[in-house]
N, C-alpha and C. Protein backbone atom coordinates (compact mmCIF):
# COMPACT_ATOMS: atom_id res chain seq x y z
N LYS A 1 1.05 -1.04 -0.24
CA LYS A 1 0.03 0.03 0.26
C LYS A 1 0.59 1.51 0.08
N GLY A 2 2.29 1.49 0.74
CA GLY A 2 3.22 2.24 0.56
C GLY A 2 2.70 3.74 1.71
N GLU A 3 2.94 4.47 1.70
CA GLU A 3 2.73 5.18 3.03
C GLU A 3 1.38 5.65 3.02
N ILE A 4 1.28 6.48 4.01
CA ILE A 4 -0.27 7.17 4.23
C ILE A 4 0.29 8.77 3.83
N LYS A 5 0.24 9.19 2.65
CA LYS A 5 0.57 10.81 2.23
C LYS A 5 -0.49 11.14 1.14
N MET A 6 -1.09 12.09 1.42
CA MET A 6 -1.49 12.75 0.15
C MET A 6 -0.76 14.47 -0.29
N ALA A 7 -1.42 14.63 -1.12
CA ALA A 7 -0.29 15.93 -1.95
C ALA A 7 -1.60 16.94 -2.23
N LYS A 8 -2.17 17.59 -1.69
CA LYS A 8 -3.15 18.42 -1.95
C LYS A 8 -2.65 19.49 -3.13
N ILE A 9 -3.20 19.47 -4.22
CA ILE A 9 -2.70 20.08 -5.34
C ILE A 9 -4.02 21.61 -5.00
N SER A 10 -3.07 22.55 -5.29
CA SER A 10 -4.10 24.12 -5.50
C SER A 10 -2.54 24.57 -6.41
N LYS A 11 -2.84 25.86 -7.07
CA LYS A 11 -2.55 26.33 -7.85
C LYS A 11 -1.51 26.42 -7.33
N GLU A 12 -0.61 26.86 -6.62
CA GLU A 12 0.99 26.73 -6.40
C GLU A 12 1.57 25.39 -6.27
N THR A 13 0.76 24.44 -6.35
CA THR A 13 1.80 23.16 -6.23
C THR A 13 1.91 22.57 -7.27
N THR A 14 3.41 21.98 -7.42
CA THR A 14 3.89 21.74 -8.51
C THR A 14 4.33 20.32 -8.99
N LEU A 15 4.05 20.01 -10.36
CA LEU A 15 4.12 18.63 -10.26
C LEU A 15 5.20 17.73 -9.40
N GLY A 16 6.20 18.04 -9.67
CA GLY A 16 7.02 17.45 -8.97
C GLY A 16 6.78 17.57 -7.64
N GLU A 17 5.99 18.20 -6.59
CA GLU A 17 5.78 17.94 -5.03
C GLU A 17 4.61 16.94 -5.47
N ILE A 18 3.64 16.71 -6.65
CA ILE A 18 3.08 15.65 -5.90
C ILE A 18 3.54 14.75 -6.46
N LEU A 19 4.34 14.28 -7.38
CA LEU A 19 5.21 12.96 -7.60
C LEU A 19 5.67 12.60 -6.44
N LYS A 20 6.57 13.68 -5.78
CA LYS A 20 7.72 13.28 -4.98
C LYS A 20 6.59 12.65 -3.94
N THR A 21 5.70 13.03 -3.77
CA THR A 21 4.87 12.51 -2.47
C THR A 21 4.54 11.58 -2.33
N TYR A 22 4.66 10.47 -3.85
CA TYR A 22 4.39 8.97 -3.45
C TYR A 22 5.53 8.37 -4.03
N SER A 23 5.91 7.20 -3.29
CA SER A 23 6.64 6.20 -3.92
C SER A 23 6.86 5.78 -4.98
N ASN A 24 5.29 4.99 -4.82
CA ASN A 24 4.85 4.52 -5.48
C ASN A 24 4.21 5.21 -7.20
N ALA A 25 4.55 6.39 -7.34
CA ALA A 25 4.42 7.37 -8.59
C ALA A 25 5.68 7.12 -9.10
N GLN A 26 6.73 7.11 -8.07
CA GLN A 26 8.41 6.92 -9.06
C GLN A 26 8.45 5.42 -9.69
N ASP A 27 8.25 4.72 -9.36
CA ASP A 27 7.78 3.28 -9.37
C ASP A 27 7.37 3.11 -10.89
N VAL A 28 5.95 3.60 -10.91
CA VAL A 28 5.00 4.01 -12.13
C VAL A 28 5.95 3.82 -13.45
N LEU A 29 6.51 5.77 -13.41
CA LEU A 29 7.39 5.97 -14.04
C LEU A 29 8.88 5.43 -14.19
N LYS A 30 9.25 4.55 -13.69
CA LYS A 30 10.26 4.14 -13.83
C LYS A 30 10.69 3.37 -15.41
N GLY A 31 12.03 4.20 -16.43
CA GLY A 31 11.67 3.24 -17.58
C GLY A 31 10.78 3.67 -18.22
N PHE A 32 10.18 5.06 -17.93
CA PHE A 32 8.84 5.05 -19.11
C PHE A 32 9.58 6.30 -19.70
N GLY A 33 9.93 6.07 -21.30
CA GLY A 33 10.25 6.70 -22.35
C GLY A 33 9.39 8.26 -22.67
N GLN A 34 8.27 8.11 -22.07
CA GLN A 34 7.35 8.92 -22.24
C GLN A 34 7.19 9.95 -21.21
N ARG A 35 8.24 9.59 -20.01
CA ARG A 35 7.75 10.95 -18.59
C ARG A 35 7.98 12.35 -18.79
N LYS A 36 8.24 12.45 -19.81
CA LYS A 36 8.27 14.26 -19.91
C LYS A 36 7.09 14.36 -20.80
N HIS A 37 6.35 13.40 -21.53
CA HIS A 37 5.30 14.08 -22.14
C HIS A 37 4.30 13.43 -20.89
N PHE A 38 4.46 12.40 -20.44
CA PHE A 38 3.41 12.56 -19.90
C PHE A 38 3.49 13.69 -18.70
N GLU A 39 4.56 14.22 -17.68
CA GLU A 39 4.49 15.25 -17.03
C GLU A 39 4.12 16.22 -17.44
N ASN A 40 4.24 17.05 -19.23
CA ASN A 40 3.70 18.24 -19.41
C ASN A 40 2.22 17.44 -19.63
N TRP A 41 1.26 17.10 -19.93
CA TRP A 41 -0.23 16.09 -19.90
C TRP A 41 -0.67 16.30 -18.79
N LEU A 42 0.22 16.03 -17.43
CA LEU A 42 -0.04 16.09 -16.03
C LEU A 42 -0.68 16.99 -15.93
N TYR A 43 0.14 18.21 -16.04
CA TYR A 43 0.40 19.34 -15.53
C TYR A 43 -0.64 19.91 -16.04
N LEU A 44 -0.80 20.27 -17.83
CA LEU A 44 -2.15 20.44 -18.24
C LEU A 44 -3.65 20.20 -17.50
N LYS A 45 -3.62 19.19 -17.10
CA LYS A 45 -5.19 18.06 -17.10
C LYS A 45 -5.28 19.21 -15.50
N LEU A 46 -4.30 18.97 -14.64
CA LEU A 46 -4.50 19.26 -13.48
C LEU A 46 -4.60 20.95 -13.75
N LYS A 47 -4.07 21.73 -13.71
CA LYS A 47 -4.09 23.18 -14.15
C LYS A 47 -5.66 23.41 -15.00
N MET A 48 -6.24 21.78 -15.93
CA MET A 48 -7.92 22.58 -16.06
C MET A 48 -8.91 21.88 -14.95
N LEU A 49 -8.46 21.57 -14.09
CA LEU A 49 -9.16 21.24 -12.70
C LEU A 49 -8.99 22.36 -11.58
N ASP A 50 -7.68 22.81 -12.16
CA ASP A 50 -8.08 24.04 -11.19
C ASP A 50 -8.62 25.01 -11.78
N MET A 51 -8.90 25.04 -12.74
CA MET A 51 -9.58 26.66 -13.10
C MET A 51 -10.90 26.29 -13.45
N ASP A 52 -11.77 25.19 -13.65
CA ASP A 52 -12.98 24.46 -13.29
C ASP A 52 -13.31 23.61 -13.26
N CYS A 53 -13.40 23.07 -12.07
CA CYS A 53 -12.98 21.55 -12.53
C CYS A 53 -14.41 20.52 -12.62
N LYS A 54 -15.38 21.25 -12.53
CA LYS A 54 -17.05 20.85 -13.07
C LYS A 54 -16.46 20.54 -14.41
N THR A 55 -16.60 21.70 -15.62
CA THR A 55 -16.43 21.75 -16.32
C THR A 55 -15.43 20.82 -17.04
N ALA A 56 -14.05 20.47 -16.62
CA ALA A 56 -12.81 19.79 -16.91
C ALA A 56 -13.70 17.94 -16.68
N LEU A 57 -14.33 17.80 -15.73
CA LEU A 57 -14.79 16.13 -15.44
C LEU A 57 -15.90 16.42 -16.86
N VAL A 58 -16.86 17.51 -17.07
CA VAL A 58 -17.45 17.03 -17.99
C VAL A 58 -16.80 17.15 -19.18
N SER A 59 -15.94 18.05 -19.62
CA SER A 59 -15.62 17.96 -20.90
C SER A 59 -14.16 16.86 -21.40
N ASP A 60 -13.78 16.81 -20.67
CA ASP A 60 -12.70 15.32 -21.33
C ASP A 60 -13.00 14.04 -20.81
N PRO A 61 -14.78 13.80 -20.60
CA PRO A 61 -14.64 12.36 -20.05
C PRO A 61 -13.35 11.18 -20.48
N LYS A 62 -12.73 11.55 -21.38
CA LYS A 62 -11.63 10.39 -21.55
C LYS A 62 -11.21 10.22 -20.77
N THR A 63 -10.53 11.37 -20.38
CA THR A 63 -9.22 11.62 -18.90
C THR A 63 -9.97 11.65 -17.69
N PHE A 64 -11.08 12.65 -17.45
CA PHE A 64 -11.02 12.58 -15.72
C PHE A 64 -12.82 11.40 -15.77
N LYS A 65 -12.62 11.10 -15.25
CA LYS A 65 -13.95 10.12 -14.53
C LYS A 65 -14.13 9.89 -13.16
N GLN A 66 -15.31 10.00 -13.20
CA GLN A 66 -16.00 9.65 -11.39
C GLN A 66 -16.21 8.31 -11.01
N ILE A 67 -15.58 7.51 -10.36
CA ILE A 67 -15.54 6.12 -10.01
C ILE A 67 -16.86 6.14 -9.42
N ARG A 68 -17.15 5.32 -9.98
CA ARG A 68 -19.15 4.91 -9.98
C ARG A 68 -18.87 4.07 -8.84
N GLY A 69 -19.84 4.37 -7.85
CA GLY A 69 -20.18 3.80 -6.42
C GLY A 69 -19.60 4.63 -5.40
N HIS A 70 -18.72 5.33 -5.62
CA HIS A 70 -17.98 6.11 -4.67
C HIS A 70 -18.10 7.73 -4.79
N ASP A 71 -18.32 8.47 -3.55
CA ASP A 71 -18.81 9.98 -3.95
C ASP A 71 -17.58 10.52 -3.40
N ASN A 72 -17.38 11.60 -4.13
CA ASN A 72 -16.27 12.43 -4.58
C ASN A 72 -14.86 11.38 -4.14
N LEU A 73 -14.44 10.48 -5.31
CA LEU A 73 -13.10 9.96 -5.92
C LEU A 73 -13.46 9.98 -7.16
N PHE A 74 -12.20 10.69 -7.61
CA PHE A 74 -12.47 10.46 -9.46
C PHE A 74 -11.08 10.04 -9.87
N GLU A 75 -10.71 9.59 -11.08
CA GLU A 75 -9.48 9.59 -11.73
C GLU A 75 -9.39 10.45 -12.26
N ILE A 76 -7.62 10.43 -13.19
CA ILE A 76 -7.17 10.93 -13.91
C ILE A 76 -6.95 9.87 -14.63
N ARG A 77 -6.79 9.44 -16.20
CA ARG A 77 -6.50 8.66 -16.99
C ARG A 77 -5.57 8.96 -17.80
N TYR A 78 -4.55 8.53 -18.24
CA TYR A 78 -3.45 8.16 -19.45
C TYR A 78 -3.31 7.21 -19.88
N ARG A 79 -4.05 6.73 -21.30
CA ARG A 79 -3.90 5.58 -22.06
C ARG A 79 -2.63 5.98 -22.80
N LYS A 80 -1.11 5.66 -22.60
CA LYS A 80 -0.32 5.67 -23.67
C LYS A 80 0.55 4.45 -23.31
N GLN A 81 1.63 4.65 -23.89
CA GLN A 81 2.50 3.39 -23.32
C GLN A 81 1.73 2.58 -22.14
N LYS A 82 2.13 3.81 -21.38
CA LYS A 82 1.35 2.75 -19.90
C LYS A 82 -0.33 3.50 -20.11
N ASN A 83 -0.36 2.43 -18.99
CA ASN A 83 -1.87 2.89 -18.42
C ASN A 83 -2.24 3.26 -16.89
N ILE A 84 -1.80 4.75 -16.62
CA ILE A 84 -0.95 5.69 -15.51
C ILE A 84 -3.11 5.80 -15.08
N ARG A 85 -2.97 5.92 -14.02
CA ARG A 85 -4.51 6.43 -13.06
C ARG A 85 -3.97 7.18 -12.33
N ILE A 86 -4.28 8.28 -11.75
CA ILE A 86 -4.25 8.69 -10.80
C ILE A 86 -5.49 9.09 -10.03
N LEU A 87 -5.90 8.48 -8.61
CA LEU A 87 -6.99 8.89 -8.15
C LEU A 87 -6.92 9.74 -7.22
N PHE A 88 -7.92 11.01 -7.25
CA PHE A 88 -8.26 12.12 -6.07
C PHE A 88 -9.36 12.29 -5.56
N SER A 89 -9.67 13.17 -5.02
CA SER A 89 -10.54 13.43 -4.42
C SER A 89 -11.06 15.10 -4.39
N ILE A 90 -11.87 15.67 -4.32
CA ILE A 90 -12.37 17.16 -4.90
C ILE A 90 -13.38 17.70 -3.11
N GLU A 91 -11.87 18.49 -3.00
CA GLU A 91 -13.24 19.30 -1.72
C GLU A 91 -13.46 20.48 -1.40
N ASP A 92 -13.32 21.37 -0.81
CA ASP A 92 -14.25 22.77 -0.80
C ASP A 92 -12.79 23.02 -0.58
N PHE A 93 -11.76 22.72 -0.28
CA PHE A 93 -10.45 23.59 -0.46
C PHE A 93 -9.38 23.48 -1.19
N GLY A 94 -9.60 22.68 -2.17
CA GLY A 94 -8.72 21.80 -3.52
C GLY A 94 -9.08 20.59 -3.32
N LYS A 95 -7.94 20.05 -4.57
CA LYS A 95 -7.80 18.55 -5.20
C LYS A 95 -6.87 17.91 -4.28
N ILE A 96 -7.98 16.63 -3.83
CA ILE A 96 -5.83 16.07 -3.17
C ILE A 96 -6.09 14.66 -3.71
N VAL A 97 -4.68 14.53 -4.34
CA VAL A 97 -4.20 13.72 -4.98
C VAL A 97 -4.16 12.48 -3.89
N LEU A 98 -4.83 10.85 -4.00
CA LEU A 98 -5.27 9.64 -3.31
C LEU A 98 -3.88 8.76 -3.75
N TYR A 99 -3.96 8.81 -4.84
CA TYR A 99 -3.27 7.36 -5.10
C TYR A 99 -3.06 6.97 -6.41
N PRO A 100 -1.57 7.15 -7.12
CA PRO A 100 -1.21 7.04 -8.49
C PRO A 100 -0.48 5.77 -8.82
N PHE A 101 -0.96 4.83 -10.04
CA PHE A 101 -0.71 3.79 -9.90
C PHE A 101 -0.86 3.32 -11.47
N GLU A 102 0.15 2.18 -11.85
CA GLU A 102 -0.04 1.89 -13.19
C GLU A 102 -1.13 0.84 -12.98
N GLU A 103 -2.35 0.50 -13.92
CA GLU A 103 -3.41 -0.33 -13.94
C GLU A 103 -2.70 -1.54 -15.01
N LYS A 104 -2.42 -2.51 -15.24
CA LYS A 104 -1.42 -3.51 -15.73
C LYS A 104 -2.82 -4.33 -16.02
N ASN A 105 -3.67 -4.58 -15.55
CA ASN A 105 -5.14 -5.41 -15.61
C ASN A 105 -5.83 -4.99 -14.83
N LYS A 106 -6.99 -5.16 -15.18
CA LYS A 106 -8.10 -5.03 -14.69
C LYS A 106 -8.27 -5.16 -13.10
N ASN A 107 -7.66 -6.46 -12.15
CA ASN A 107 -7.85 -6.63 -10.98
C ASN A 107 -6.72 -5.47 -10.32
N ASP A 108 -6.20 -4.79 -10.57
CA ASP A 108 -5.15 -3.51 -10.06
C ASP A 108 -6.32 -2.27 -9.34
N PHE A 109 -7.45 -2.05 -10.45
CA PHE A 109 -8.21 -1.05 -9.94
C PHE A 109 -8.74 -1.01 -8.49
N LYS A 110 -9.63 -2.43 -8.18
CA LYS A 110 -10.49 -2.06 -7.07
C LYS A 110 -9.43 -2.31 -5.91
N PRO A 111 -7.90 -2.76 -5.62
CA PRO A 111 -7.48 -2.78 -4.61
C PRO A 111 -6.90 -0.67 -4.43
N ALA A 112 -6.68 -0.60 -5.80
CA ALA A 112 -6.48 0.81 -5.82
C ALA A 112 -7.08 1.48 -4.93
N ILE A 113 -8.74 1.73 -5.30
CA ILE A 113 -9.67 2.38 -4.81
C ILE A 113 -9.86 2.35 -3.24
N GLY A 114 -9.38 0.77 -2.96
CA GLY A 114 -9.30 0.79 -1.42
C GLY A 114 -7.95 1.46 -0.89
N VAL A 115 -7.15 1.56 -1.34
CA VAL A 115 -5.75 2.48 -0.94
C VAL A 115 -6.58 3.83 -0.62
N ALA A 116 -7.31 4.39 -1.75
CA ALA A 116 -7.45 6.23 -1.91
C ALA A 116 -7.93 6.16 -0.88
N LYS A 117 -9.09 5.44 -0.14
CA LYS A 117 -10.04 5.33 0.21
C LYS A 117 -9.73 5.94 1.54
N GLU A 118 -8.79 4.69 1.96
CA GLU A 118 -7.87 5.02 2.89
C GLU A 118 -7.04 5.79 3.62
N ARG A 119 -6.41 6.31 2.50
CA ARG A 119 -5.38 7.65 2.21
C ARG A 119 -6.44 8.89 2.65
N LYS A 120 -7.68 9.11 1.88
CA LYS A 120 -8.49 9.93 2.34
C LYS A 120 -9.53 10.36 3.66
N LYS A 121 -9.52 8.97 4.17
CA LYS A 121 -9.71 8.71 5.79
C LYS A 121 -8.48 9.55 7.09
N GLU A 122 -7.60 8.99 6.38
CA GLU A 122 -6.31 9.44 7.07
C GLU A 122 -6.38 11.25 6.72
N TYR A 123 -6.66 11.72 5.83
CA TYR A 123 -6.20 12.91 5.46
C TYR A 123 -7.45 13.53 6.64
N GLU A 124 -8.41 13.45 6.28
CA GLU A 124 -9.92 13.50 7.41
C GLU A 124 -9.63 13.60 8.77
N LYS A 125 -8.79 12.76 8.85
CA LYS A 125 -8.49 12.21 10.68
C LYS A 125 -7.83 13.91 10.68
N LYS A 126 -6.26 13.57 9.55
CA LYS A 126 -5.24 14.24 10.16
C LYS A 126 -5.81 16.40 9.74
N HIS A 127 -6.75 16.57 9.34
CA HIS A 127 -6.98 17.99 8.82
C HIS A 127 -8.54 18.34 9.08
N ILE A 128 -9.43 16.96 9.86
CA ILE A 128 -10.59 17.62 10.18
C ILE A 128 -11.58 18.19 9.01
N ILE A 129 -11.94 17.54 7.88
CA ILE A 129 -12.79 18.54 6.54
C ILE A 129 -13.92 18.18 7.16
């Protein structure tokens, strides 16, 4: 499961800060030939969320998706050389990245949701949302 850390996304948050928060993010990107492309792509998608979250979720459904059956849990999907997923939550104060992972098969998604929900609960305990 890795460490229980969250990266709060705000307009001041850099992509490097988000990725450094998670040891598993470094594992996901290890040996990834398109890493710079991915980082630029993710930066633009996070900026879309910052500018107008609701519009971003509706206007780009191939990239952004609400996780069915889970309130306030969303994903960013990158489907190129790797199938990278980043689970996040939207709170009044901003977005919280909960769990980045590479989905290698359909069995990877359910445990990732469990990790994200656990991390969100831990964040709520520490920050009293």
